[in-house]
Amino acid sequence: MRSLCAVLLASGCVPTYSLSKATTCDADVTAPPGSLAHHVLVGGPGDGTFAYDPPAAHIEAVEGAYDLSTGAFAYTVRYAEGFRSEDRITDGTGTLWRDGDSDLAYDLALVRRDGSEQGFHVRSVRLGCAEDSRFEDAVTGALSYESRVYDPDGYALDRRFDYRGVRVSAVGHVELDGSAQLEMALASGPYALDYTETDDGNGTVRRTFDDRIGIEAVVGSWETDADGTRTDFTRTRDGESPEHWEYAVDPAGDGSGTLTTDDGAACELRFTANRCMQSGCVGLEDGPCFPAVTMDLR
């Protein structure tokens, strides 16, 4: 006997995607924003196509499609005007099962306002409440990993990457509205790092940090949003007067600030395409400057 859909093909019957009543995780793994399954279920009629404006203020539109027959998918996340990134482009293939599980392989490109790009090859597998992803930098081949465990309020996140040759882990929780808090601590040889990062889910990210390398310590914070990045930190070295850096740059890396020391030295800072120059100095020399916290911060 032919299926009802086969009988109705001439009338335009097409396959649709929806979650079954019996899923492999008690939490709704498609509820947090950003995943392919979320886009298909929230942003379209269920036939795999989607085009919508998410609630997050820094995202203007999400548009693309998932072919329910072949598993091929492609979509673009377009960020709001003035935001530091312009587009997030995803292109790949895989399977979204109706029980909530998924297996995806795709290329991811982050396109910035200045035209530069950063690309990754990604493999992501979700089974039950657990999702594991592997990211390979398209240029350097550097690997990073991400694990999620979904719960009714969002998901616990463990992000692992190399920092100064040491594998570190940032852990925290992402809420259903996209807001998050992550913490990381590292102590290895001459290095010691401790930071807390918060994301409001609308594009504003703030990090407080305590970064120590041998005789040098950098303690402070940065905050970045659609308008750019504001940074405030103190750098101390054994036997030298502490340096206080305050500066702000726009998404193109242009901006200004000040450098002062406890013994009265001072300079004006000017950033052009993320390159720093100091001038009008008292007690210090004019010329290139090298802040301990560099761009691009995200």
Protein backbone atom coordinates (compact mmCIF):
# COMPACT_ATOMS: atom_id res chain seq x y z
CA MET A 1 0.00 0.00 0.00
CA ARG A 2 1.38 3.39 -0.88
CA SER A 3 1.76 5.96 1.89
CA LEU A 4 -0.62 8.88 2.15
CA CYS A 5 2.24 11.22 1.17
CA ALA A 6 2.97 9.16 -1.94
CA VAL A 7 -0.69 9.33 -2.91
CA LEU A 8 -0.68 13.09 -2.43
CA LEU A 9 2.61 13.87 -4.17
CA ALA A 10 0.78 15.25 -7.16
CA SER A 11 -0.97 17.65 -4.81
CA GLY A 12 2.32 18.98 -3.46
CA CYS A 13 2.90 16.78 -0.39
CA VAL A 14 6.41 17.34 0.94
CA PRO A 15 8.26 15.81 3.91
CA THR A 16 8.31 17.86 7.10
CA TYR A 17 10.50 17.89 10.19
CA SER A 18 9.12 17.84 13.72
CA LEU A 19 10.13 16.26 17.00
CA SER A 20 8.48 13.02 18.01
CA LYS A 21 6.76 12.70 21.38
CA ALA A 22 9.44 10.23 22.50
CA THR A 23 12.77 12.11 22.46
CA THR A 24 16.12 10.85 23.75
CA CYS A 25 16.46 13.75 26.24
CA ASP A 26 13.93 14.94 28.79
CA ALA A 27 14.98 18.55 28.05
CA ASP A 28 14.12 20.17 24.73
CA VAL A 29 17.53 20.18 23.02
CA THR A 30 16.19 22.38 20.21
CA ALA A 31 14.99 25.18 22.51
CA PRO A 32 18.29 27.10 22.95
CA PRO A 33 18.87 29.42 19.97
CA GLY A 34 21.53 28.85 17.33
CA SER A 35 21.30 25.21 16.29
CA LEU A 36 20.15 23.94 12.89
CA ALA A 37 17.22 22.12 14.48
CA HIS A 38 16.17 25.32 16.26
CA HIS A 39 16.23 27.26 12.98
CA VAL A 40 14.17 24.62 11.15
CA LEU A 41 11.56 24.34 13.91
CA VAL A 42 11.28 28.01 14.90
CA GLY A 43 12.03 29.86 11.68
CA GLY A 44 10.03 27.98 9.06
CA PRO A 45 6.98 25.88 8.23
CA GLY A 46 8.75 22.57 8.94
CA ASP A 47 9.73 21.78 5.34
CA GLY A 48 13.39 22.60 6.10
CA THR A 49 13.35 26.19 4.87
CA PHE A 50 13.60 29.05 7.36
CA ALA A 51 13.80 32.84 7.38
CA TYR A 52 13.16 34.82 10.54
CA ASP A 53 14.30 37.61 12.85
CA PRO A 54 15.43 36.15 16.20
CA PRO A 55 14.76 37.96 19.50
CA ALA A 56 18.48 38.72 20.06
CA ALA A 57 19.07 42.43 19.35
CA HIS A 58 22.45 41.90 17.67
CA ILE A 59 21.08 39.47 15.05
CA GLU A 60 19.15 40.94 12.14
CA ALA A 61 18.07 37.76 10.34
CA VAL A 62 18.63 34.03 9.94
CA GLU A 63 17.90 32.50 6.54
CA GLY A 64 18.62 29.15 4.91
CA ALA A 65 17.42 25.61 4.36
CA TYR A 66 17.91 21.99 5.39
CA ASP A 67 17.10 19.45 2.67
CA LEU A 68 15.03 16.76 4.40
CA SER A 69 15.85 14.25 1.67
CA THR A 70 19.63 14.66 1.22
CA GLY A 71 20.65 16.21 4.55
CA ALA A 72 22.42 19.12 2.82
CA PHE A 73 22.02 22.45 4.60
CA ALA A 74 23.21 26.03 4.28
CA TYR A 75 22.25 29.16 6.14
CA THR A 76 23.45 32.64 7.03
CA VAL A 77 23.14 34.50 10.33
CA ARG A 78 23.23 38.21 9.51
CA TYR A 79 24.23 40.53 12.34
CA ALA A 80 22.76 43.98 12.95
CA GLU A 81 24.37 47.05 11.39
CA GLY A 82 27.35 48.23 13.42
CA PHE A 83 27.97 44.89 15.09
CA ARG A 84 31.61 43.72 14.94
CA SER A 85 30.70 40.68 12.80
CA GLU A 86 28.68 40.88 9.60
CA ASP A 87 27.73 37.30 8.72
CA ARG A 88 28.05 33.79 10.09
CA ILE A 89 27.82 31.37 7.15
CA THR A 90 27.25 27.62 7.59
CA ASP A 91 27.34 25.01 4.82
CA GLY A 92 27.31 21.25 5.32
CA THR A 93 25.43 17.99 5.47
CA GLY A 94 24.02 15.72 8.14
CA THR A 95 20.94 14.30 9.81
CA LEU A 96 18.38 15.70 12.21
CA TRP A 97 16.48 12.80 13.77
CA ARG A 98 12.97 13.27 15.08
CA ASP A 99 14.00 12.03 18.53
CA GLY A 100 16.27 15.12 18.92
CA ASP A 101 19.57 13.46 18.05
CA SER A 102 21.73 14.87 15.26
CA ASP A 103 24.96 14.24 13.34
CA LEU A 104 26.32 17.20 11.35
CA ALA A 105 29.50 18.04 9.43
CA TYR A 106 29.88 21.56 8.09
CA ASP A 107 32.10 24.50 7.22
CA LEU A 108 31.64 27.65 9.28
CA ALA A 109 32.81 31.11 8.18
CA LEU A 110 32.77 34.21 10.39
CA VAL A 111 32.83 37.35 8.23
CA ARG A 112 33.82 40.59 9.95
CA ARG A 113 32.95 44.16 8.99
CA ASP A 114 36.47 44.79 7.72
CA GLY A 115 36.10 41.94 5.21
CA SER A 116 38.35 39.49 7.07
CA GLU A 117 37.16 35.95 7.64
CA GLN A 118 37.81 33.12 10.05
CA GLY A 119 36.84 29.62 8.98
CA PHE A 120 36.35 26.28 10.71
CA HIS A 121 35.59 22.69 9.74
CA VAL A 122 33.10 21.38 12.30
CA ARG A 123 31.77 17.95 13.27
CA SER A 124 28.95 17.90 15.79
CA VAL A 125 27.10 14.88 17.22
CA ARG A 126 24.18 15.05 19.65
CA LEU A 127 22.99 11.88 21.38
CA GLY A 128 20.43 12.18 24.13
CA CYS A 129 21.17 15.22 26.30
CA ALA A 130 24.88 15.32 25.36
CA GLU A 131 26.36 17.09 22.34
CA ASP A 132 30.04 17.06 21.36
CA SER A 133 31.61 19.27 18.68
CA ARG A 134 35.07 19.44 17.15
CA PHE A 135 36.34 22.66 15.51
CA GLU A 136 39.33 22.72 13.17
CA ASP A 137 40.70 26.10 12.13
CA ALA A 138 40.54 26.19 8.32
CA VAL A 139 43.94 27.91 8.07
CA THR A 140 46.08 26.73 10.98
CA GLY A 141 44.47 23.35 11.64
CA ALA A 142 44.30 24.17 15.36
CA LEU A 143 41.69 22.09 17.16
CA SER A 144 39.20 23.08 19.84
CA TYR A 145 36.31 21.17 21.34
CA GLU A 146 32.94 21.91 22.89
CA SER A 147 30.64 19.73 24.99
CA ARG A 148 27.07 20.53 25.95
CA VAL A 149 24.70 18.80 28.36
CA TYR A 150 21.14 20.02 27.92
CA ASP A 151 18.72 20.71 30.79
CA PRO A 152 15.33 22.47 31.03
CA ASP A 153 17.03 25.87 31.50
CA GLY A 154 19.53 25.63 28.62
CA TYR A 155 22.77 23.69 28.69
CA ALA A 156 26.01 23.26 30.63
CA LEU A 157 28.99 24.15 28.44
CA ASP A 158 32.60 22.92 28.49
CA ARG A 159 34.83 24.62 25.89
CA ARG A 160 38.37 23.23 25.51
CA PHE A 161 41.19 24.90 23.58
CA ASP A 162 44.95 25.51 23.62
CA TYR A 163 46.27 28.56 25.45
CA ARG A 164 50.02 29.17 25.27
CA GLY A 165 50.58 25.54 24.47
CA VAL A 166 48.42 24.23 27.33
CA ARG A 167 44.97 22.68 26.95
CA VAL A 168 42.50 24.67 29.05
CA SER A 169 38.79 24.36 29.73
CA ALA A 170 36.17 27.11 30.11
CA VAL A 171 33.02 25.88 31.82
CA GLY A 172 29.66 27.43 32.59
CA HIS A 173 25.99 27.52 31.63
CA VAL A 174 24.08 29.00 28.69
CA GLU A 175 20.47 30.03 29.34
CA LEU A 176 17.54 29.65 26.96
CA ASP A 177 17.73 33.36 26.05
CA GLY A 178 21.38 32.97 24.99
CA SER A 179 22.87 34.66 28.05
CA ALA A 180 25.80 32.84 29.62
CA GLN A 181 28.60 32.84 32.17
CA LEU A 182 31.88 30.96 31.71
CA GLU A 183 34.84 30.56 34.04
CA MET A 184 38.38 29.37 33.37
CA ALA A 185 41.39 28.82 35.60
CA LEU A 186 44.88 27.72 34.55
CA ALA A 187 48.07 27.12 36.48
CA SER A 188 50.94 25.64 34.47
CA GLY A 189 54.62 26.41 34.91
CA PRO A 190 55.08 30.22 34.72
CA TYR A 191 51.47 30.77 33.62
CA ALA A 192 48.46 31.44 35.84
CA LEU A 193 45.15 32.65 34.45
CA ASP A 194 41.73 33.15 36.00
CA TYR A 195 38.77 34.72 34.18
CA THR A 196 35.02 35.07 34.30
CA GLU A 197 33.11 35.92 31.11
CA THR A 198 29.46 36.94 30.87
CA ASP A 199 27.30 37.27 27.75
CA ASP A 200 23.93 39.01 27.92
CA GLY A 201 22.62 37.12 24.87
CA ASN A 202 22.30 40.35 22.87
CA GLY A 203 25.91 40.77 21.79
CA THR A 204 27.48 42.36 24.87
CA VAL A 205 30.29 40.28 26.36
CA ARG A 206 32.35 41.21 29.43
CA ARG A 207 35.42 39.44 30.77
CA THR A 208 37.29 40.07 34.02
CA PHE A 209 40.73 38.49 34.16
CA ASP A 210 43.85 37.91 36.23
CA ASP A 211 46.65 36.82 33.90
CA ARG A 212 50.16 36.15 35.24
CA ILE A 213 53.23 35.16 33.26
CA GLY A 214 56.40 34.88 35.30
CA ILE A 215 57.26 38.39 36.55
CA GLU A 216 54.34 40.04 34.70
CA ALA A 217 50.74 40.29 35.89
CA VAL A 218 47.78 41.74 33.96
CA VAL A 219 44.56 42.30 35.92
CA GLY A 220 41.47 44.03 34.57
CA SER A 221 38.48 43.67 32.27
CA TRP A 222 37.16 44.25 28.78
CA GLU A 223 33.65 44.68 27.47
CA THR A 224 32.63 44.45 23.83
CA ASP A 225 29.34 45.16 22.08
CA ALA A 226 28.06 46.57 18.78
CA ASP A 227 29.86 49.88 19.40
CA GLY A 228 33.26 48.29 19.93
CA THR A 229 35.45 47.26 22.83
CA ARG A 230 36.39 49.09 26.03
CA THR A 231 39.39 47.81 27.92
CA ASP A 232 40.73 48.72 31.38
CA PHE A 233 43.65 46.84 32.90
CA THR A 234 46.77 47.23 35.02
CA ARG A 235 50.03 45.56 34.04
CA THR A 236 52.74 45.09 36.64
CA ARG A 237 56.28 43.75 36.29
CA ASP A 238 58.73 43.05 39.10
CA GLY A 239 60.86 46.14 39.72
CA GLU A 240 58.79 48.45 37.47
CA SER A 241 56.05 50.98 38.12
CA PRO A 242 52.55 49.58 37.43
CA GLU A 243 51.01 50.57 34.06
CA HIS A 244 47.34 51.52 33.80
CA TRP A 245 45.82 51.11 30.32
CA GLU A 246 42.39 52.44 29.35
CA TYR A 247 41.22 52.50 25.74
CA ALA A 248 38.25 51.96 23.46
CA VAL A 249 38.17 50.78 19.86
CA ASP A 250 35.36 50.43 17.35
CA PRO A 251 34.64 47.21 15.40
CA ALA A 252 37.24 48.25 12.77
CA GLY A 253 39.95 48.43 15.44
CA ASP A 254 40.17 52.26 15.46
CA GLY A 255 40.14 54.14 18.74
CA SER A 256 42.05 55.89 21.49
CA GLY A 257 42.93 55.82 25.16
CA THR A 258 45.57 56.56 27.78
CA LEU A 259 48.54 54.87 29.41
CA THR A 260 49.68 56.07 32.84
CA THR A 261 52.06 54.75 35.48
CA ASP A 262 52.21 55.14 39.24
CA ASP A 263 55.43 57.16 38.99
CA GLY A 264 53.80 59.87 36.84
CA ALA A 265 54.57 58.80 33.27
CA ALA A 266 51.76 59.14 30.72
CA CYS A 267 50.96 58.69 27.00
CA GLU A 268 48.04 59.17 24.66
CA LEU A 269 47.10 56.01 22.77
CA ARG A 270 45.83 55.83 19.20
CA PHE A 271 44.59 52.62 17.55
CA THR A 272 44.33 52.19 13.77
CA ALA A 273 43.15 48.80 12.50
CA ASN A 274 44.11 47.35 15.91
CA ARG A 275 47.67 48.73 15.76
CA CYS A 276 48.65 50.88 18.70
CA MET A 277 50.80 54.03 18.72
CA GLN A 278 51.61 56.17 21.75
CA SER A 279 52.37 59.90 21.56
CA GLY A 280 52.59 63.05 23.67
CA CYS A 281 54.43 60.95 26.21
CA VAL A 282 55.82 62.22 29.50
CA GLY A 283 58.44 59.95 31.01
CA LEU A 284 58.01 57.41 28.20
CA GLU A 285 58.96 57.35 24.52
CA ASP A 286 56.60 58.04 21.61
CA GLY A 287 56.19 55.15 19.17
CA PRO A 288 54.50 51.75 18.81
CA CYS A 289 52.71 50.43 21.89
CA PHE A 290 51.97 46.88 22.87
CA PRO A 291 48.99 46.47 25.19
CA ALA A 292 48.82 43.12 26.96
CA VAL A 293 45.18 42.76 25.91
CA THR A 294 45.05 42.72 22.11
CA MET A 295 42.33 42.74 19.46
CA ASP A 296 40.39 40.86 18.13
CA LEU A 297 39.10 39.94 21.61
CA ARG A 298 36.32 37.63 20.36
